[in-house]
N, C-alpha and C. Protein backbone atom coordinates (compact mmCIF):
# COMPACT_ATOMS: atom_id res chain seq x y z
N UNK A 1 142.33 66.47 66.25
CA UNK A 1 141.77 66.77 67.71
C UNK A 1 140.65 66.94 67.83
N UNK A 2 139.88 66.59 68.76
CA UNK A 2 138.59 66.73 68.65
C UNK A 2 138.45 67.77 70.00
N UNK A 3 138.19 68.76 69.37
CA UNK A 3 137.78 70.29 70.03
C UNK A 3 136.42 70.45 70.42
N UNK A 4 136.48 70.97 71.56
CA UNK A 4 134.43 71.59 71.49
C UNK A 4 134.90 73.16 72.18
N UNK A 5 133.35 73.44 72.65
CA UNK A 5 133.54 74.71 72.98
C UNK A 5 134.20 75.04 74.44
N UNK A 6 134.30 74.00 75.26
CA UNK A 6 134.90 74.28 76.44
C UNK A 6 136.26 74.55 75.84
N UNK A 7 136.98 73.90 75.06
CA UNK A 7 138.30 73.69 75.06
C UNK A 7 138.28 75.52 74.40
N UNK A 8 137.55 76.09 73.82
CA UNK A 8 138.00 77.31 72.96
C UNK A 8 137.79 78.28 74.15
N UNK A 9 136.74 78.12 74.75
CA UNK A 9 136.65 78.94 76.26
C UNK A 9 137.70 79.36 77.15
N UNK A 10 138.30 77.77 77.22
CA UNK A 10 139.79 77.80 77.98
C UNK A 10 140.89 78.34 77.33
N UNK A 11 141.02 78.08 75.78
CA UNK A 11 141.79 78.75 75.26
C UNK A 11 141.68 80.52 75.11
N UNK A 12 140.71 80.82 75.01
CA UNK A 12 140.27 82.41 74.97
C UNK A 12 140.64 82.87 76.75
N UNK A 13 139.88 82.05 77.58
CA UNK A 13 140.47 82.67 79.18
C UNK A 13 141.61 82.75 79.26
N UNK A 14 142.77 81.79 78.94
CA UNK A 14 143.85 81.54 79.47
C UNK A 14 144.72 82.69 78.50
N UNK A 15 144.75 82.86 77.78
CA UNK A 15 145.14 83.58 76.45
C UNK A 15 144.57 85.50 76.50
N UNK A 16 143.49 85.24 76.60
CA UNK A 16 143.05 86.68 76.46
C UNK A 16 142.18 87.27 77.65
N UNK A 17 141.34 86.55 78.01
CA UNK A 17 140.08 87.23 79.14
C UNK A 17 140.50 87.27 80.48
N UNK A 18 141.45 86.61 80.97
CA UNK A 18 142.14 86.61 82.10
C UNK A 18 143.33 87.72 81.88
N UNK A 19 143.78 88.48 81.06
CA UNK A 19 144.72 89.06 80.78
C UNK A 19 144.46 90.69 80.49
N UNK A 20 145.01 91.52 81.50
CA UNK A 20 145.04 93.14 81.73
C UNK A 20 145.16 93.67 80.17
N UNK A 21 145.78 93.34 79.47
CA UNK A 21 146.01 93.84 78.04
C UNK A 21 144.93 94.11 76.99
N UNK A 22 145.21 94.71 76.61
CA UNK A 22 144.13 95.10 75.46
C UNK A 22 143.70 93.92 74.31
N UNK A 23 142.25 93.85 74.32
CA UNK A 23 141.61 92.83 73.62
C UNK A 23 141.28 93.11 72.21
N UNK A 24 141.79 92.07 71.31
CA UNK A 24 141.61 92.06 70.13
C UNK A 24 140.36 91.88 69.58
N UNK A 25 139.96 92.64 68.62
CA UNK A 25 138.53 92.22 68.18
C UNK A 25 138.41 90.62 67.94
N UNK A 26 136.84 90.87 68.00
CA UNK A 26 136.21 89.40 67.48
C UNK A 26 136.90 88.80 66.13
N UNK A 27 137.08 89.60 65.24
CA UNK A 27 137.58 89.06 63.80
C UNK A 27 138.81 88.30 63.83
N UNK A 28 139.92 89.15 65.15
CA UNK A 28 141.32 88.81 64.87
C UNK A 28 141.09 87.42 65.63
N UNK A 29 140.42 87.49 66.83
CA UNK A 29 140.46 86.23 67.88
C UNK A 29 139.88 85.39 66.95
N UNK A 30 139.08 85.52 66.18
CA UNK A 30 138.16 84.18 65.55
C UNK A 30 139.34 83.76 64.34
N UNK A 31 140.10 84.69 63.64
CA UNK A 31 141.20 84.23 63.04
C UNK A 31 142.34 83.47 63.64
N UNK A 32 142.58 84.32 64.75
CA UNK A 32 143.96 83.15 65.77
C UNK A 32 143.36 82.01 66.05
N UNK A 33 141.74 81.52 66.13
CA UNK A 33 141.31 80.13 67.08
C UNK A 33 141.52 79.40 65.70
N UNK A 34 140.82 79.89 64.57
CA UNK A 34 141.10 79.22 63.16
C UNK A 34 142.49 78.53 62.85
N UNK A 35 143.47 79.58 63.15
CA UNK A 35 145.04 79.21 63.06
C UNK A 35 145.22 78.24 63.85
N UNK A 36 144.93 78.44 65.12
CA UNK A 36 145.21 77.33 66.29
C UNK A 36 144.44 75.74 66.04
N UNK A 37 143.56 75.55 64.99
CA UNK A 37 142.95 74.31 64.71
C UNK A 37 141.83 74.48 65.00
N UNK A 38 140.83 75.38 65.54
CA UNK A 38 139.84 75.02 66.26
C UNK A 38 138.62 75.30 64.93
N UNK A 39 137.93 74.28 65.02
CA UNK A 39 136.60 74.41 63.93
C UNK A 39 135.67 75.69 63.99
N UNK A 40 135.43 75.94 62.93
CA UNK A 40 134.52 77.21 63.10
C UNK A 40 133.29 77.04 63.69
N UNK A 41 132.70 76.11 63.64
CA UNK A 41 131.57 75.70 64.02
C UNK A 41 131.63 76.27 65.92
N UNK A 42 132.70 75.35 66.41
CA UNK A 42 132.80 75.57 67.53
C UNK A 42 133.27 77.06 68.30
N UNK A 43 134.04 77.56 67.17
CA UNK A 43 134.61 79.13 67.74
C UNK A 43 133.14 79.99 67.51
N UNK A 44 132.22 80.07 66.87
CA UNK A 44 130.89 80.87 66.75
C UNK A 44 130.15 80.14 67.83
N UNK A 45 130.10 79.05 68.59
CA UNK A 45 129.30 78.61 69.36
C UNK A 45 130.09 79.01 71.12
N UNK A 46 131.18 78.73 70.91
CA UNK A 46 132.36 79.84 72.21
C UNK A 46 131.77 81.25 72.12
N UNK A 47 131.91 81.78 71.09
CA UNK A 47 131.30 83.17 71.36
C UNK A 47 129.89 83.47 71.58
N UNK A 48 129.21 83.10 71.30
CA UNK A 48 127.64 82.67 71.53
C UNK A 48 127.67 82.58 73.16
N UNK A 49 128.48 81.58 73.84
CA UNK A 49 128.49 81.18 75.02
C UNK A 49 128.70 82.36 75.74
N UNK A 50 129.92 82.97 75.36
CA UNK A 50 130.38 84.11 76.10
C UNK A 50 129.37 85.25 75.77
N UNK A 51 128.85 85.95 74.88
CA UNK A 51 127.67 86.91 74.61
C UNK A 51 126.54 86.34 75.50
N UNK A 52 126.05 84.83 75.56
CA UNK A 52 124.91 84.98 76.57
C UNK A 52 125.41 85.09 78.25
N UNK A 53 126.96 84.93 78.46
CA UNK A 53 127.23 84.98 79.95
C UNK A 53 127.61 86.78 79.87
N UNK A 54 127.61 87.19 78.91
CA UNK A 54 127.59 89.03 79.27
C UNK A 54 126.66 89.46 79.59
N UNK A 55 125.49 88.77 78.83
CA UNK A 55 124.09 89.10 79.56
C UNK A 55 123.54 89.02 80.45
N UNK A 56 124.38 88.00 81.30
CA UNK A 56 124.27 87.71 82.65
C UNK A 56 124.67 88.66 83.34
N UNK A 57 125.20 89.60 83.07
CA UNK A 57 125.71 90.95 84.28
C UNK A 57 124.96 91.67 84.42
N UNK A 58 123.35 91.94 83.50
CA UNK A 58 122.23 92.76 83.37
C UNK A 58 121.58 92.12 84.58
N UNK A 59 121.63 90.60 85.01
CA UNK A 59 120.60 90.04 86.33
C UNK A 59 120.39 90.97 87.38
N UNK A 60 119.25 91.07 87.82
CA UNK A 60 119.44 91.48 89.09
C UNK A 60 120.22 90.74 90.53
N UNK A 61 120.79 91.29 91.33
CA UNK A 61 121.64 90.85 92.17
C UNK A 61 121.51 91.58 93.50
N UNK A 62 120.66 92.15 93.77
CA UNK A 62 120.80 93.02 94.78
C UNK A 62 120.87 92.24 96.13
N UNK A 63 121.17 92.81 97.37
CA UNK A 63 121.44 92.38 98.80
C UNK A 63 120.85 91.32 99.08
N UNK A 64 119.19 91.57 99.28
CA UNK A 64 118.28 90.63 99.54
C UNK A 64 118.54 89.28 99.00
N UNK A 65 118.31 89.59 97.59
CA UNK A 65 118.33 88.33 96.96
C UNK A 65 119.38 87.18 96.82
N UNK A 66 120.60 88.16 97.49
CA UNK A 66 121.83 87.21 97.16
C UNK A 66 122.04 86.59 98.91
N UNK A 67 121.27 87.42 99.60
CA UNK A 67 121.42 86.53 101.02
C UNK A 67 120.30 86.04 101.10
N UNK A 68 119.14 85.48 100.45
CA UNK A 68 118.30 84.65 100.62
C UNK A 68 118.54 83.31 100.63
N UNK A 69 118.07 82.32 101.68
CA UNK A 69 118.52 80.99 101.58
C UNK A 69 117.77 80.31 100.29
N UNK A 70 118.06 79.57 99.82
CA UNK A 70 117.22 79.05 99.15
C UNK A 70 117.60 77.53 98.50
N UNK A 71 116.44 76.30 98.28
CA UNK A 71 116.94 75.09 97.84
C UNK A 71 116.63 75.14 96.29
N UNK A 72 117.83 74.56 96.22
CA UNK A 72 117.86 74.48 94.46
C UNK A 72 117.95 72.48 94.03
N UNK A 73 116.78 72.39 93.21
CA UNK A 73 116.72 71.45 92.85
C UNK A 73 117.04 71.39 91.32
N UNK A 74 117.78 70.43 91.24
CA UNK A 74 118.21 70.12 89.58
C UNK A 74 117.35 69.21 88.90
N UNK A 75 116.85 70.06 87.67
CA UNK A 75 115.96 69.00 87.11
C UNK A 75 116.48 67.61 86.23
N UNK A 76 115.78 66.94 85.97
CA UNK A 76 116.37 65.81 85.44
C UNK A 76 117.21 66.03 83.99
N UNK A 77 117.11 66.88 83.36
CA UNK A 77 118.29 67.10 82.11
C UNK A 77 119.32 67.81 83.09
N UNK A 78 119.15 68.69 83.98
CA UNK A 78 120.44 69.13 84.28
C UNK A 78 121.38 67.92 85.42
N UNK A 79 120.41 66.88 85.88
CA UNK A 79 121.06 65.99 86.86
C UNK A 79 121.47 64.90 85.67
N UNK A 80 121.48 64.80 84.59
CA UNK A 80 121.69 64.09 83.81
C UNK A 80 122.92 64.56 82.95
N UNK A 81 123.03 65.87 82.97
CA UNK A 81 124.17 66.16 82.47
C UNK A 81 125.56 66.83 83.64
N UNK A 82 124.82 67.09 84.69
CA UNK A 82 125.91 67.20 86.09
C UNK A 82 126.10 65.98 86.79
N UNK A 83 127.08 65.63 87.05
CA UNK A 83 126.95 64.38 88.06
C UNK A 83 126.66 64.90 89.34
N UNK A 84 126.65 64.02 90.12
CA UNK A 84 126.58 64.14 91.88
C UNK A 84 127.66 65.10 92.41
N UNK A 85 128.85 64.74 91.72
CA UNK A 85 130.03 65.65 92.61
C UNK A 85 130.00 66.96 92.08
N UNK A 86 129.62 67.27 90.64
CA UNK A 86 129.71 68.28 90.37
C UNK A 86 128.55 69.31 90.62
N UNK A 87 127.30 68.80 90.79
CA UNK A 87 126.37 69.47 91.72
C UNK A 87 126.34 69.59 93.07
N UNK A 88 127.30 68.90 93.68
CA UNK A 88 127.57 69.13 95.01
C UNK A 88 128.37 70.27 95.31
N UNK A 89 129.54 70.11 94.63
CA UNK A 89 130.74 71.11 94.45
C UNK A 89 129.93 72.74 94.07
N UNK A 90 128.89 72.93 93.22
CA UNK A 90 128.17 74.25 93.13
C UNK A 90 127.28 74.29 94.37
N UNK A 91 126.74 73.55 94.77
CA UNK A 91 126.05 73.76 95.99
C UNK A 91 126.92 74.19 97.13
N UNK A 92 127.87 73.49 97.59
CA UNK A 92 128.95 73.48 98.74
C UNK A 92 129.42 75.01 98.17
N UNK A 93 129.82 75.60 97.02
CA UNK A 93 130.21 77.12 96.97
C UNK A 93 129.24 78.10 97.69
N UNK A 94 128.17 77.45 97.32
CA UNK A 94 127.24 78.81 97.66
C UNK A 94 126.80 78.58 99.16
N UNK A 95 126.83 77.35 99.73
CA UNK A 95 126.60 77.23 101.23
C UNK A 95 127.99 78.14 101.84
N UNK A 96 128.82 78.08 101.54
CA UNK A 96 130.41 78.60 101.76
C UNK A 96 130.33 80.22 101.63
N UNK A 97 129.04 80.70 100.76
CA UNK A 97 129.60 81.70 100.88
C UNK A 97 130.16 82.21 99.38
N UNK A 98 130.66 81.53 98.69
CA UNK A 98 131.11 82.09 97.36
C UNK A 98 130.66 82.55 96.20
N UNK A 99 129.68 81.52 96.43
CA UNK A 99 128.39 81.83 94.86
C UNK A 99 127.10 82.56 95.94
N UNK A 100 126.15 83.38 95.17
CA UNK A 100 124.97 83.80 95.58
C UNK A 100 124.07 83.09 94.64
N UNK A 101 122.70 82.85 94.89
CA UNK A 101 121.72 82.37 94.30
C UNK A 101 121.87 82.77 93.06
N UNK A 102 122.02 83.68 92.61
CA UNK A 102 122.29 84.47 91.36
C UNK A 102 123.55 83.90 90.48
N UNK A 103 124.54 84.21 91.41
CA UNK A 103 125.89 83.65 90.50
C UNK A 103 125.56 81.55 90.34
N UNK A 104 125.32 81.47 90.98
CA UNK A 104 124.64 79.85 90.71
C UNK A 104 123.89 79.67 89.81
N UNK A 105 123.01 80.19 89.68
CA UNK A 105 122.09 79.98 88.42
C UNK A 105 122.81 80.40 87.06
N UNK A 106 123.57 81.23 87.31
CA UNK A 106 124.15 81.88 85.97
C UNK A 106 125.33 80.63 85.48
N UNK A 107 125.66 80.03 86.47
CA UNK A 107 126.88 78.97 86.26
C UNK A 107 125.83 77.90 85.82
N UNK A 108 125.01 77.40 86.75
CA UNK A 108 124.25 76.16 86.16
C UNK A 108 123.85 76.25 84.69
N UNK A 109 123.20 77.41 84.37
CA UNK A 109 122.92 78.11 82.69
C UNK A 109 124.10 77.76 81.99
N UNK A 110 125.47 78.26 82.14
CA UNK A 110 126.77 78.33 81.24
C UNK A 110 126.84 77.01 80.97
N UNK A 111 126.94 75.93 82.40
CA UNK A 111 127.12 74.57 82.20
C UNK A 111 126.24 73.87 81.41
N UNK A 112 125.08 74.44 81.11
CA UNK A 112 124.01 73.44 80.52
C UNK A 112 123.90 73.61 79.22
N UNK A 113 124.63 75.00 78.85
CA UNK A 113 124.85 75.60 77.23
C UNK A 113 126.20 75.22 76.86
N UNK A 114 127.13 74.59 77.97
CA UNK A 114 128.25 73.65 76.84
C UNK A 114 127.71 72.58 76.12
N UNK A 115 128.22 72.33 74.98
CA UNK A 115 128.00 71.10 74.09
C UNK A 115 128.36 69.82 74.54
N UNK A 116 128.99 69.52 75.65
CA UNK A 116 129.30 68.18 76.11
C UNK A 116 128.06 67.61 76.77
N UNK A 117 127.96 66.27 76.86
CA UNK A 117 126.72 65.21 76.88
C UNK A 117 126.90 65.34 78.50
N UNK A 118 128.02 64.95 78.79
CA UNK A 118 128.22 65.24 80.30
C UNK A 118 129.76 65.99 80.83
N UNK A 119 129.41 67.02 82.03
CA UNK A 119 130.37 67.99 82.35
C UNK A 119 130.96 67.57 83.70
N UNK A 120 131.96 67.54 83.91
CA UNK A 120 133.03 66.60 84.80
C UNK A 120 133.36 68.22 85.68
N UNK A 121 133.78 67.90 86.78
CA UNK A 121 134.05 68.88 88.20
C UNK A 121 135.02 69.67 87.62
N UNK A 122 136.21 69.47 87.16
CA UNK A 122 137.03 70.29 86.43
C UNK A 122 136.27 71.59 85.45
N UNK A 123 135.32 71.15 84.72
CA UNK A 123 134.83 72.41 83.66
C UNK A 123 134.14 73.23 84.10
N UNK A 124 133.20 72.53 85.50
CA UNK A 124 132.43 73.28 86.92
C UNK A 124 133.11 74.19 87.21
N UNK A 125 134.48 73.90 88.01
CA UNK A 125 135.24 75.01 88.44
C UNK A 125 135.99 75.95 87.68
N UNK A 126 136.68 75.70 86.23
CA UNK A 126 136.66 76.51 85.11
C UNK A 126 135.57 77.56 84.89
N UNK A 127 134.36 76.96 84.86
CA UNK A 127 133.33 77.40 84.48
C UNK A 127 132.88 78.72 85.31
N UNK A 128 132.86 78.02 86.81
CA UNK A 128 132.68 79.20 87.93
C UNK A 128 133.49 80.20 88.02
N UNK A 129 134.88 79.73 87.64
CA UNK A 129 135.94 80.74 87.23
C UNK A 129 135.43 81.87 86.39
N UNK A 130 135.11 81.60 85.08
CA UNK A 130 134.90 82.47 84.45
C UNK A 130 133.46 83.48 84.23
N UNK A 131 132.77 82.42 85.28
CA UNK A 131 131.40 83.29 85.45
C UNK A 131 131.90 84.17 86.88
N UNK A 132 132.38 84.02 87.78
CA UNK A 132 132.68 85.10 88.98
C UNK A 132 133.49 85.89 88.16
N UNK A 133 134.55 86.04 87.18
CA UNK A 133 135.33 86.83 86.55
C UNK A 133 134.60 87.89 85.67
N UNK A 134 133.45 87.69 85.36
CA UNK A 134 132.75 88.31 84.72
C UNK A 134 131.58 89.26 85.40
N UNK A 135 130.92 88.71 86.57
CA UNK A 135 130.11 89.42 87.33
C UNK A 135 130.73 90.29 88.32
N UNK A 136 130.20 91.50 87.96
CA UNK A 136 130.26 92.53 89.07
C UNK A 136 130.16 92.45 89.99
N UNK A 137 131.15 92.90 91.05
CA UNK A 137 131.04 92.61 92.97
C UNK A 137 131.34 91.30 92.89
N UNK A 138 132.00 90.45 91.97
CA UNK A 138 132.16 89.13 92.81
C UNK A 138 133.69 89.03 92.84
N UNK A 139 134.71 90.41 92.95
CA UNK A 139 135.83 89.94 93.03
C UNK A 139 136.39 89.03 93.99
N UNK A 140 136.00 89.05 95.04
CA UNK A 140 136.11 88.52 96.23
C UNK A 140 136.00 87.13 96.10
N UNK A 141 134.76 86.82 95.50
CA UNK A 141 134.27 84.82 95.24
C UNK A 141 135.45 84.83 94.24
N UNK A 142 135.66 85.50 93.13
CA UNK A 142 136.49 85.23 91.98
C UNK A 142 138.03 85.11 92.34
N UNK A 143 138.47 85.75 93.42
CA UNK A 143 139.61 85.62 94.18
C UNK A 143 139.65 84.52 95.07
N UNK A 144 138.76 84.32 95.66
CA UNK A 144 138.74 82.60 96.50
C UNK A 144 138.60 81.46 95.53
N UNK A 145 137.54 81.80 94.04
CA UNK A 145 137.74 80.52 93.26
C UNK A 145 139.13 80.46 92.65
N UNK A 146 140.27 81.40 92.17
CA UNK A 146 141.24 81.41 91.89
C UNK A 146 142.31 80.97 92.29
N UNK A 147 142.16 81.53 93.45
CA UNK A 147 143.18 80.69 94.97
C UNK A 147 142.81 79.09 94.81
N UNK A 148 141.70 78.63 95.02
CA UNK A 148 141.20 77.39 95.16
C UNK A 148 141.84 76.73 94.16
N UNK A 149 141.62 76.93 92.96
CA UNK A 149 142.00 76.33 91.74
C UNK A 149 143.77 76.32 91.50
N UNK A 150 144.46 77.23 91.74
CA UNK A 150 145.59 77.63 91.31
C UNK A 150 146.35 77.34 92.58
N UNK A 151 145.98 77.49 93.84
CA UNK A 151 147.00 77.02 95.17
C UNK A 151 146.51 75.82 95.23
N UNK A 152 145.72 75.01 94.95
CA UNK A 152 145.28 73.75 95.79
C UNK A 152 145.31 72.76 94.40
N UNK A 153 146.68 72.19 94.08
CA UNK A 153 146.47 71.49 92.64
C UNK A 153 145.54 70.29 92.64
N UNK A 154 145.30 69.59 93.79
CA UNK A 154 144.85 68.58 94.07
C UNK A 154 143.28 68.56 94.01
N UNK A 155 142.91 70.12 93.98
CA UNK A 155 140.95 70.44 93.86
C UNK A 155 140.52 69.55 94.83
N UNK A 156 141.21 68.93 96.37
CA UNK A 156 140.09 68.28 96.83
C UNK A 156 139.42 69.10 97.95
N UNK A 157 138.24 68.40 98.33
CA UNK A 157 137.36 68.87 98.89
C UNK A 157 137.05 68.07 99.85
N UNK A 158 137.38 68.37 101.53
CA UNK A 158 136.92 67.04 102.49
C UNK A 158 137.03 67.78 103.72
């Protein structure tokens, strides 16, 4: 079975990060992930991805910055990795107020850090949920995204 960083992240999110129970230490988690069949390289990259996500908690997110109207242009590299539907979804979330410019940039950064050449819309939705879960003051946005993912199984936007 070919696993990637996203698969490891989903496993951790579903089994630990999203849980209110005390979290096991990193060594225990690594051992469990290895036993579950994940490759050590993928596990290390997933932990590095999470470490970088944790660093994003320190980004400034003042009210003036979060309320500013901004225009996001995607680089050629970003457009090559994120298809039009995925980019449109991120912009849509910002336009309806679920994302701030700061959270939008963290999401794009974490999507670009995935080891997949192409990122699909489902990955965008899950990374968005992970980022909002991790960002202080984003509880309402996280709840909206959580409801969107779990209460709307078709995930349609029309």
